[in-house]
C-alpha atoms as a PDB file:
ATOM      1  CA  UNK A   1     115.317  19.403 116.833  1.00  0.00           C
ATOM      2  CA  UNK A   2     114.253  21.191 113.542  1.00  0.00           C
ATOM      3  CA  UNK A   3     116.542  21.635 110.502  1.00  0.00           C
ATOM      4  CA  UNK A   4     114.720  24.175 108.556  1.00  0.00           C
ATOM      5  CA  UNK A   5     116.367  24.644 104.990  1.00  0.00           C
ATOM      6  CA  UNK A   6     115.456  27.016 102.487  1.00  0.00           C
ATOM      7  CA  UNK A   7     114.744  25.066  99.304  1.00  0.00           C
ATOM      8  CA  UNK A   8     113.137  27.446  96.781  1.00  0.00           C
ATOM      9  CA  UNK A   9     111.139  30.220  96.067  1.00  0.00           C
ATOM     10  CA  UNK A  10     107.450  30.407  95.985  1.00  0.00           C
ATOM     11  CA  UNK A  11     107.389  32.472  92.803  1.00  0.00           C
ATOM     12  CA  UNK A  12     109.581  29.629  91.343  1.00  0.00           C
ATOM     13  CA  UNK A  13     106.562  26.931  92.208  1.00  0.00           C
ATOM     14  CA  UNK A  14     103.324  27.990  90.264  1.00  0.00           C
ATOM     15  CA  UNK A  15     100.162  26.599  91.687  1.00  0.00           C
ATOM     16  CA  UNK A  16      99.851  22.859  90.195  1.00  0.00           C
ATOM     17  CA  UNK A  17     103.575  22.214  89.642  1.00  0.00           C
ATOM     18  CA  UNK A  18     106.186  19.733  90.960  1.00  0.00           C
ATOM     19  CA  UNK A  19     110.074  20.240  91.349  1.00  0.00           C
ATOM     20  CA  UNK A  20     112.873  18.326  92.952  1.00  0.00           C
ATOM     21  CA  UNK A  21     115.262  19.954  95.376  1.00  0.00           C
ATOM     22  CA  UNK A  22     118.088  19.069  97.541  1.00  0.00           C
ATOM     23  CA  UNK A  23     117.924  19.637 101.232  1.00  0.00           C
ATOM     24  CA  UNK A  24     120.929  18.746 103.054  1.00  0.00           C
ATOM     25  CA  UNK A  25     121.817  15.390 101.831  1.00  0.00           C
ATOM     26  CA  UNK A  26     118.308  14.637 100.872  1.00  0.00           C
ATOM     27  CA  UNK A  27     116.302  14.804  97.553  1.00  0.00           C
ATOM     28  CA  UNK A  28     113.055  16.334  98.290  1.00  0.00           C
ATOM     29  CA  UNK A  29     109.882  16.349  95.940  1.00  0.00           C
ATOM     30  CA  UNK A  30     107.872  19.893  96.209  1.00  0.00           C
ATOM     31  CA  UNK A  31     104.613  20.457  95.159  1.00  0.00           C
ATOM     32  CA  UNK A  32     102.189  23.483  95.041  1.00  0.00           C
ATOM     33  CA  UNK A  33      98.577  22.463  94.926  1.00  0.00           C
ATOM     34  CA  UNK A  34      95.373  24.454  95.654  1.00  0.00           C
ATOM     35  CA  UNK A  35      95.453  24.375  99.676  1.00  0.00           C
ATOM     36  CA  UNK A  36      99.235  25.122  99.861  1.00  0.00           C
ATOM     37  CA  UNK A  37     102.798  23.492  99.521  1.00  0.00           C
ATOM     38  CA  UNK A  38     103.780  19.912 100.264  1.00  0.00           C
ATOM     39  CA  UNK A  39     107.131  18.098 100.388  1.00  0.00           C
ATOM     40  CA  UNK A  40     107.869  14.070 100.065  1.00  0.00           C
ATOM     41  CA  UNK A  41     110.771  12.243  99.973  1.00  0.00           C
ATOM     42  CA  UNK A  42     111.883  12.583  96.436  1.00  0.00           C
ATOM     43  CA  UNK A  43     112.986   9.065  95.904  1.00  0.00           C
ATOM     44  CA  UNK A  44     109.971   6.912  94.960  1.00  0.00           C
ATOM     45  CA  UNK A  45     110.252   3.704  97.243  1.00  0.00           C
ATOM     46  CA  UNK A  46     109.336   1.313  93.948  1.00  0.00           C
ATOM     47  CA  UNK A  47     112.725   1.798  92.149  1.00  0.00           C
ATOM     48  CA  UNK A  48     114.212   4.881  92.940  1.00  0.00           C
ATOM     49  CA  UNK A  49     112.310   7.352  90.539  1.00  0.00           C
ATOM     50  CA  UNK A  50     112.213  11.130  90.477  1.00  0.00           C
ATOM     51  CA  UNK A  51     109.200  12.020  92.457  1.00  0.00           C
ATOM     52  CA  UNK A  52     109.722  15.758  92.110  1.00  0.00           C
ATOM     53  CA  UNK A  53     109.838  15.010  88.034  1.00  0.00           C
ATOM     54  CA  UNK A  54     106.198  13.136  88.129  1.00  0.00           C
ATOM     55  CA  UNK A  55     103.169  14.365  86.785  1.00  0.00           C
ATOM     56  CA  UNK A  56     101.115  16.352  89.213  1.00  0.00           C
ATOM     57  CA  UNK A  57      97.471  16.285  88.787  1.00  0.00           C
ATOM     58  CA  UNK A  58      95.438  17.822  91.711  1.00  0.00           C
ATOM     59  CA  UNK A  59      96.840  16.417  94.707  1.00  0.00           C
ATOM     60  CA  UNK A  60      98.230  13.311  93.116  1.00  0.00           C
ATOM     61  CA  UNK A  61     101.873  12.395  91.821  1.00  0.00           C
ATOM     62  CA  UNK A  62     102.599  10.052  89.494  1.00  0.00           C
ATOM     63  CA  UNK A  63     106.171   8.591  89.326  1.00  0.00           C
ATOM     64  CA  UNK A  64     107.567   9.330  85.763  1.00  0.00           C
ATOM     65  CA  UNK A  65     109.404   5.818  85.787  1.00  0.00           C
ATOM     66  CA  UNK A  66     106.857   3.426  86.555  1.00  0.00           C
ATOM     67  CA  UNK A  67     103.878   5.316  87.489  1.00  0.00           C
ATOM     68  CA  UNK A  68     103.383   4.631  91.428  1.00  0.00           C
ATOM     69  CA  UNK A  69     100.989   7.296  92.496  1.00  0.00           C
ATOM     70  CA  UNK A  70     101.122   9.193  95.817  1.00  0.00           C
ATOM     71  CA  UNK A  71      98.744  11.795  97.592  1.00  0.00           C
ATOM     72  CA  UNK A  72     101.375  14.768  97.893  1.00  0.00           C
ATOM     73  CA  UNK A  73      99.591  15.713 100.982  1.00  0.00           C
ATOM     74  CA  UNK A  74     100.174  12.711 103.488  1.00  0.00           C
ATOM     75  CA  UNK A  75     102.505  10.467 101.334  1.00  0.00           C
ATOM     76  CA  UNK A  76      99.808   7.591 100.886  1.00  0.00           C
ATOM     77  CA  UNK A  77      99.986   5.348  98.010  1.00  0.00           C
ATOM     78  CA  UNK A  78      97.042   5.474  95.919  1.00  0.00           C
ATOM     79  CA  UNK A  79      96.529   1.796  95.540  1.00  0.00           C
ATOM     80  CA  UNK A  80      98.347   0.117  98.551  1.00  0.00           C
ATOM     81  CA  UNK A  81      97.292   1.431 101.967  1.00  0.00           C
ATOM     82  CA  UNK A  82     100.280  -0.082 103.313  1.00  0.00           C
ATOM     83  CA  UNK A  83     102.795   2.172 101.248  1.00  0.00           C
ATOM     84  CA  UNK A  84     103.191   5.631 102.762  1.00  0.00           C
ATOM     85  CA  UNK A  85     105.969   7.857 101.318  1.00  0.00           C
ATOM     86  CA  UNK A  86     107.862  10.051 104.028  1.00  0.00           C
ATOM     87  CA  UNK A  87     106.788  13.712 104.212  1.00  0.00           C
ATOM     88  CA  UNK A  88     108.538  16.622 105.676  1.00  0.00           C
ATOM     89  CA  UNK A  89     107.130  19.848 107.205  1.00  0.00           C
ATOM     90  CA  UNK A  90     106.816  22.762 105.078  1.00  0.00           C
ATOM     91  CA  UNK A  91     107.190  26.503 106.105  1.00  0.00           C
ATOM     92  CA  UNK A  92     106.653  29.497 103.629  1.00  0.00           C
ATOM     93  CA  UNK A  93     107.996  33.015 104.766  1.00  0.00           C
ATOM     94  CA  UNK A  94     107.298  35.552 102.256  1.00  0.00           C
ATOM     95  CA  UNK A  95     108.551  33.924  98.949  1.00  0.00           C
ATOM     96  CA  UNK A  96     110.987  31.604 100.615  1.00  0.00           C
ATOM     97  CA  UNK A  97     110.109  27.972 101.170  1.00  0.00           C
ATOM     98  CA  UNK A  98     111.846  25.866 103.985  1.00  0.00           C
ATOM     99  CA  UNK A  99     111.519  22.368 104.461  1.00  0.00           C
ATOM    100  CA  UNK A 100     112.237  20.569 107.928  1.00  0.00           C
ATOM    101  CA  UNK A 101     114.287  17.633 107.134  1.00  0.00           C
ATOM    102  CA  UNK A 102     115.228  16.550 110.484  1.00  0.00           C
ATOM    103  CA  UNK A 103     112.519  13.872 110.987  1.00  0.00           C
ATOM    104  CA  UNK A 104     110.071  12.667 108.023  1.00  0.00           C
ATOM    105  CA  UNK A 105     106.585  12.772 109.171  1.00  0.00           C
ATOM    106  CA  UNK A 106     103.437  12.485 107.558  1.00  0.00           C
ATOM    107  CA  UNK A 107     100.429  14.975 107.010  1.00  0.00           C
ATOM    108  CA  UNK A 108     102.667  17.909 106.600  1.00  0.00           C
ATOM    109  CA  UNK A 109     102.148  20.905 104.867  1.00  0.00           C
ATOM    110  CA  UNK A 110     101.911  24.706 104.869  1.00  0.00           C
ATOM    111  CA  UNK A 111      99.009  26.675 103.774  1.00  0.00           C
ATOM    112  CA  UNK A 112      99.666  29.462 101.482  1.00  0.00           C
ATOM    113  CA  UNK A 113      98.576  32.874 103.153  1.00  0.00           C
END
């Protein structure tokens, strides 16, 4: 069953930016890129760095602790095909951004209408 949680406002997440939010008991990294809003598990699998505080360039986020890079659209590590960061479905209703934290998945995004 979906567990949609309102985590931020679209107006607080300008294009090309990232932020870190708490949804339930999860830390979630939100990213607003040209084609939509995406959500990844906010804890880097390397050593627990805060992905939502990382540098976002295009659709790639770089962990601020040790430089691991992920595609925010699908969680794919940029240099190791065996590593994929969990993603979460995103829904935008008006100015509200919701994330479904019930089951991490891949290729989850919401187009901005």
